[in-house]
């Protein structure tokens, strides 16, 4: 793993932990899995923004 890959993995894991992913699960992910999970969660968060307060609209 080069420095760029390590930095990306660190960012991905940090972001997953901020979003509430269990630390044990985060440790078990491969770099590709961590990246895909971050992308998926960010997509869902954007798509359903506002739903938690009942003001979101279905798109």
PDB file of N, CA and C in Angstrom:
ATOM      1  N   UNK A   1       0.841  -1.178   0.000  1.00  0.00           N
ATOM      2  CA  UNK A   1       0.000   0.000   0.000  1.00  0.00           C
ATOM      3  C   UNK A   1       0.889   1.245   0.000  1.00  0.00           C
ATOM      4  N   UNK A   2       0.603   2.185  -0.894  1.00  0.00           N
ATOM      5  CA  UNK A   2       1.394   3.413  -0.911  1.00  0.00           C
ATOM      6  C   UNK A   2       0.762   4.466   0.013  1.00  0.00           C
ATOM      7  N   UNK A   3       1.427   5.597   0.127  1.00  0.00           N
ATOM      8  CA  UNK A   3       0.971   6.641   1.054  1.00  0.00           C
ATOM      9  C   UNK A   3      -0.418   7.178   0.710  1.00  0.00           C
ATOM     10  N   UNK A   4      -0.705   7.295  -0.571  1.00  0.00           N
ATOM     11  CA  UNK A   4      -2.014   7.805  -0.995  1.00  0.00           C
ATOM     12  C   UNK A   4      -3.106   6.820  -0.593  1.00  0.00           C
ATOM     13  N   UNK A   5      -2.869   5.544  -0.814  1.00  0.00           N
ATOM     14  CA  UNK A   5      -3.846   4.518  -0.442  1.00  0.00           C
ATOM     15  C   UNK A   5      -4.066   4.477   1.068  1.00  0.00           C
ATOM     16  N   UNK A   6      -3.000   4.635   1.826  1.00  0.00           N
ATOM     17  CA  UNK A   6      -3.109   4.641   3.282  1.00  0.00           C
ATOM     18  C   UNK A   6      -3.913   5.855   3.752  1.00  0.00           C
ATOM     19  N   UNK A   7      -3.640   7.007   3.158  1.00  0.00           N
ATOM     20  CA  UNK A   7      -4.375   8.220   3.524  1.00  0.00           C
ATOM     21  C   UNK A   7      -5.860   8.082   3.184  1.00  0.00           C
ATOM     22  N   UNK A   8      -6.158   7.492   2.029  1.00  0.00           N
ATOM     23  CA  UNK A   8      -7.556   7.299   1.627  1.00  0.00           C
ATOM     24  C   UNK A   8      -8.249   6.339   2.583  1.00  0.00           C
ATOM     25  N   UNK A   9      -7.588   5.250   2.939  1.00  0.00           N
ATOM     26  CA  UNK A   9      -8.167   4.285   3.873  1.00  0.00           C
ATOM     27  C   UNK A   9      -8.411   4.937   5.235  1.00  0.00           C
ATOM     28  N   UNK A  10      -7.483   5.738   5.697  1.00  0.00           N
ATOM     29  CA  UNK A  10      -7.644   6.437   6.980  1.00  0.00           C
ATOM     30  C   UNK A  10      -8.868   7.344   6.923  1.00  0.00           C
ATOM     31  N   UNK A  11      -9.023   8.094   5.827  1.00  0.00           N
ATOM     32  CA  UNK A  11     -10.175   8.985   5.680  1.00  0.00           C
ATOM     33  C   UNK A  11     -11.468   8.178   5.674  1.00  0.00           C
ATOM     34  N   UNK A  12     -11.475   7.079   4.912  1.00  0.00           N
ATOM     35  CA  UNK A  12     -12.680   6.247   4.818  1.00  0.00           C
ATOM     36  C   UNK A  12     -13.078   5.695   6.182  1.00  0.00           C
ATOM     37  N   UNK A  13     -12.122   5.137   6.908  1.00  0.00           N
ATOM     38  CA  UNK A  13     -12.416   4.548   8.220  1.00  0.00           C
ATOM     39  C   UNK A  13     -12.877   5.628   9.194  1.00  0.00           C
ATOM     40  N   UNK A  14     -12.214   6.773   9.187  1.00  0.00           N
ATOM     41  CA  UNK A  14     -12.613   7.874  10.062  1.00  0.00           C
ATOM     42  C   UNK A  14     -14.042   8.306   9.756  1.00  0.00           C
ATOM     43  N   UNK A  15     -14.376   8.423   8.482  1.00  0.00           N
ATOM     44  CA  UNK A  15     -15.724   8.834   8.076  1.00  0.00           C
ATOM     45  C   UNK A  15     -16.752   7.801   8.510  1.00  0.00           C
ATOM     46  N   UNK A  16     -16.429   6.506   8.348  1.00  0.00           N
ATOM     47  CA  UNK A  16     -17.358   5.454   8.763  1.00  0.00           C
ATOM     48  C   UNK A  16     -17.617   5.514  10.266  1.00  0.00           C
ATOM     49  N   UNK A  17     -16.575   5.728  11.043  1.00  0.00           N
ATOM     50  CA  UNK A  17     -16.732   5.824  12.493  1.00  0.00           C
ATOM     51  C   UNK A  17     -17.581   7.039  12.864  1.00  0.00           C
ATOM     52  N   UNK A  18     -17.383   8.162  12.169  1.00  0.00           N
ATOM     53  CA  UNK A  18     -18.194   9.358  12.408  1.00  0.00           C
ATOM     54  C   UNK A  18     -19.666   9.097  12.111  1.00  0.00           C
ATOM     55  N   UNK A  19     -19.939   8.232  11.128  1.00  0.00           N
ATOM     56  CA  UNK A  19     -21.310   7.927  10.740  1.00  0.00           C
ATOM     57  C   UNK A  19     -21.934   6.838  11.606  1.00  0.00           C
ATOM     58  N   UNK A  20     -21.170   6.335  12.578  1.00  0.00           N
ATOM     59  CA  UNK A  20     -21.742   5.390  13.526  1.00  0.00           C
ATOM     60  C   UNK A  20     -21.488   3.925  13.244  1.00  0.00           C
ATOM     61  N   UNK A  21     -20.635   3.621  12.277  1.00  0.00           N
ATOM     62  CA  UNK A  21     -20.303   2.227  11.996  1.00  0.00           C
ATOM     63  C   UNK A  21     -19.484   1.671  13.157  1.00  0.00           C
ATOM     64  N   UNK A  22     -19.792   0.459  13.538  1.00  0.00           N
ATOM     65  CA  UNK A  22     -19.095  -0.220  14.623  1.00  0.00           C
ATOM     66  C   UNK A  22     -17.602  -0.325  14.301  1.00  0.00           C
ATOM     67  N   UNK A  23     -16.757   0.008  15.281  1.00  0.00           N
ATOM     68  CA  UNK A  23     -15.312   0.001  15.068  1.00  0.00           C
ATOM     69  C   UNK A  23     -14.792  -1.386  14.690  1.00  0.00           C
ATOM     70  N   UNK A  24     -15.336  -2.411  15.295  1.00  0.00           N
ATOM     71  CA  UNK A  24     -14.913  -3.781  14.972  1.00  0.00           C
ATOM     72  C   UNK A  24     -15.206  -4.108  13.507  1.00  0.00           C
ATOM     73  N   UNK A  25     -16.391  -3.724  13.037  1.00  0.00           N
ATOM     74  CA  UNK A  25     -16.728  -3.946  11.636  1.00  0.00           C
ATOM     75  C   UNK A  25     -15.782  -3.171  10.733  1.00  0.00           C
ATOM     76  N   UNK A  26     -15.520  -1.925  11.066  1.00  0.00           N
ATOM     77  CA  UNK A  26     -14.639  -1.086  10.253  1.00  0.00           C
ATOM     78  C   UNK A  26     -13.250  -1.710  10.120  1.00  0.00           C
ATOM     79  N   UNK A  27     -12.766  -2.343  11.159  1.00  0.00           N
ATOM     80  CA  UNK A  27     -11.444  -2.985  11.120  1.00  0.00           C
ATOM     81  C   UNK A  27     -11.410  -4.184  10.186  1.00  0.00           C
ATOM     82  N   UNK A  28     -12.552  -4.815   9.992  1.00  0.00           N
ATOM     83  CA  UNK A  28     -12.606  -6.033   9.175  1.00  0.00           C
ATOM     84  C   UNK A  28     -12.743  -5.742   7.676  1.00  0.00           C
ATOM     85  N   UNK A  29     -13.032  -4.510   7.329  1.00  0.00           N
ATOM     86  CA  UNK A  29     -13.258  -4.155   5.926  1.00  0.00           C
ATOM     87  C   UNK A  29     -11.945  -4.047   5.160  1.00  0.00           C
ATOM     88  N   UNK A  30     -11.978  -4.475   3.918  1.00  0.00           N
ATOM     89  CA  UNK A  30     -10.850  -4.220   3.029  1.00  0.00           C
ATOM     90  C   UNK A  30     -10.915  -2.752   2.616  1.00  0.00           C
ATOM     91  N   UNK A  31      -9.833  -2.202   2.089  1.00  0.00           N
ATOM     92  CA  UNK A  31      -9.893  -0.808   1.629  1.00  0.00           C
ATOM     93  C   UNK A  31     -11.006  -0.560   0.612  1.00  0.00           C
ATOM     94  N   UNK A  32     -11.206  -1.495  -0.310  1.00  0.00           N
ATOM     95  CA  UNK A  32     -12.262  -1.333  -1.322  1.00  0.00           C
ATOM     96  C   UNK A  32     -13.648  -1.375  -0.678  1.00  0.00           C
ATOM     97  N   UNK A  33     -13.841  -2.267   0.284  1.00  0.00           N
ATOM     98  CA  UNK A  33     -15.128  -2.353   0.974  1.00  0.00           C
ATOM     99  C   UNK A  33     -15.408  -1.082   1.768  1.00  0.00           C
ATOM    100  N   UNK A  34     -14.385  -0.569   2.442  1.00  0.00           N
ATOM    101  CA  UNK A  34     -14.550   0.660   3.223  1.00  0.00           C
ATOM    102  C   UNK A  34     -14.953   1.813   2.310  1.00  0.00           C
ATOM    103  N   UNK A  35     -14.291   1.919   1.156  1.00  0.00           N
ATOM    104  CA  UNK A  35     -14.593   2.999   0.214  1.00  0.00           C
ATOM    105  C   UNK A  35     -16.014   2.875  -0.320  1.00  0.00           C
ATOM    106  N   UNK A  36     -16.399   1.656  -0.699  1.00  0.00           N
ATOM    107  CA  UNK A  36     -17.752   1.440  -1.220  1.00  0.00           C
ATOM    108  C   UNK A  36     -18.813   1.748  -0.170  1.00  0.00           C
ATOM    109  N   UNK A  37     -18.555   1.375   1.076  1.00  0.00           N
ATOM    110  CA  UNK A  37     -19.513   1.636   2.145  1.00  0.00           C
ATOM    111  C   UNK A  37     -19.659   3.133   2.401  1.00  0.00           C
ATOM    112  N   UNK A  38     -18.545   3.855   2.403  1.00  0.00           N
ATOM    113  CA  UNK A  38     -18.605   5.311   2.568  1.00  0.00           C
ATOM    114  C   UNK A  38     -19.421   5.925   1.432  1.00  0.00           C
ATOM    115  N   UNK A  39     -19.129   5.530   0.206  1.00  0.00           N
ATOM    116  CA  UNK A  39     -19.860   6.069  -0.941  1.00  0.00           C
ATOM    117  C   UNK A  39     -21.357   5.797  -0.821  1.00  0.00           C
ATOM    118  N   UNK A  40     -21.692   4.569  -0.454  1.00  0.00           N
ATOM    119  CA  UNK A  40     -23.098   4.198  -0.335  1.00  0.00           C
ATOM    120  C   UNK A  40     -23.810   4.969   0.759  1.00  0.00           C
ATOM    121  N   UNK A  41     -23.166   5.101   1.900  1.00  0.00           N
ATOM    122  CA  UNK A  41     -23.790   5.821   3.011  1.00  0.00           C
ATOM    123  C   UNK A  41     -23.937   7.309   2.704  1.00  0.00           C
ATOM    124  N   UNK A  42     -22.927   7.895   2.078  1.00  0.00           N
ATOM    125  CA  UNK A  42     -23.030   9.309   1.707  1.00  0.00           C
ATOM    126  C   UNK A  42     -24.138   9.526   0.674  1.00  0.00           C
ATOM    127  N   UNK A  43     -24.265   8.596  -0.261  1.00  0.00           N
ATOM    128  CA  UNK A  43     -25.331   8.676  -1.250  1.00  0.00           C
ATOM    129  C   UNK A  43     -26.699   8.630  -0.567  1.00  0.00           C
ATOM    130  N   UNK A  44     -26.881   7.661   0.322  1.00  0.00           N
ATOM    131  CA  UNK A  44     -28.172   7.528   1.008  1.00  0.00           C
ATOM    132  C   UNK A  44     -28.473   8.730   1.890  1.00  0.00           C
ATOM    133  N   UNK A  45     -27.445   9.236   2.563  1.00  0.00           N
ATOM    134  CA  UNK A  45     -27.651  10.406   3.415  1.00  0.00           C
ATOM    135  C   UNK A  45     -28.104  11.599   2.583  1.00  0.00           C
ATOM    136  N   UNK A  46     -27.517  11.775   1.409  1.00  0.00           N
ATOM    137  CA  UNK A  46     -27.902  12.883   0.537  1.00  0.00           C
ATOM    138  C   UNK A  46     -29.295  12.658  -0.053  1.00  0.00           C
ATOM    139  N   UNK A  47     -29.561  11.443  -0.483  1.00  0.00           N
ATOM    140  CA  UNK A  47     -30.844  11.132  -1.112  1.00  0.00           C
ATOM    141  C   UNK A  47     -32.007  11.325  -0.145  1.00  0.00           C
ATOM    142  N   UNK A  48     -31.819  10.976   1.099  1.00  0.00           N
ATOM    143  CA  UNK A  48     -32.907  11.042   2.077  1.00  0.00           C
ATOM    144  C   UNK A  48     -32.702  12.150   3.107  1.00  0.00           C
ATOM    145  N   UNK A  49     -31.974  13.179   2.726  1.00  0.00           N
ATOM    146  CA  UNK A  49     -31.748  14.327   3.608  1.00  0.00           C
ATOM    147  C   UNK A  49     -33.092  14.930   4.001  1.00  0.00           C
ATOM    148  N   UNK A  50     -33.277  15.175   5.275  1.00  0.00           N
ATOM    149  CA  UNK A  50     -34.504  15.792   5.752  1.00  0.00           C
ATOM    150  C   UNK A  50     -35.546  14.799   6.230  1.00  0.00           C
ATOM    151  N   UNK A  51     -35.404  13.530   5.914  1.00  0.00           N
ATOM    152  CA  UNK A  51     -36.408  12.548   6.330  1.00  0.00           C
ATOM    153  C   UNK A  51     -36.435  12.367   7.835  1.00  0.00           C
ATOM    154  N   UNK A  52     -35.301  12.537   8.501  1.00  0.00           N
ATOM    155  CA  UNK A  52     -35.284  12.316   9.946  1.00  0.00           C
ATOM    156  C   UNK A  52     -36.154  13.313  10.700  1.00  0.00           C
ATOM    157  N   UNK A  53     -36.380  14.502  10.134  1.00  0.00           N
ATOM    158  CA  UNK A  53     -37.255  15.470  10.794  1.00  0.00           C
ATOM    159  C   UNK A  53     -38.655  15.508  10.171  1.00  0.00           C
ATOM    160  N   UNK A  54     -38.918  14.582   9.243  1.00  0.00           N
ATOM    161  CA  UNK A  54     -40.243  14.486   8.642  1.00  0.00           C
ATOM    162  C   UNK A  54     -40.519  15.439   7.503  1.00  0.00           C
ATOM    163  N   UNK A  55     -39.480  16.158   7.041  1.00  0.00           N
ATOM    164  CA  UNK A  55     -39.696  17.146   5.997  1.00  0.00           C
ATOM    165  C   UNK A  55     -39.068  16.736   4.662  1.00  0.00           C
ATOM    166  N   UNK A  56     -38.572  15.532   4.580  1.00  0.00           N
ATOM    167  CA  UNK A  56     -37.952  15.086   3.336  1.00  0.00           C
ATOM    168  C   UNK A  56     -38.984  14.775   2.273  1.00  0.00           C
ATOM    169  N   UNK A  57     -38.558  14.865   1.044  1.00  0.00           N
ATOM    170  CA  UNK A  57     -39.421  14.524  -0.066  1.00  0.00           C
ATOM    171  C   UNK A  57     -38.847  13.334  -0.794  1.00  0.00           C
ATOM    172  N   UNK A  58     -39.724  12.492  -1.257  1.00  0.00           N
ATOM    173  CA  UNK A  58     -39.287  11.342  -2.041  1.00  0.00           C
ATOM    174  C   UNK A  58     -38.890  11.836  -3.426  1.00  0.00           C
ATOM    175  N   UNK A  59     -37.761  11.332  -3.908  1.00  0.00           N
ATOM    176  CA  UNK A  59     -37.268  11.758  -5.240  1.00  0.00           C
ATOM    177  C   UNK A  59     -37.390  10.634  -6.224  1.00  0.00           C
TER     178      UNK A  59
END
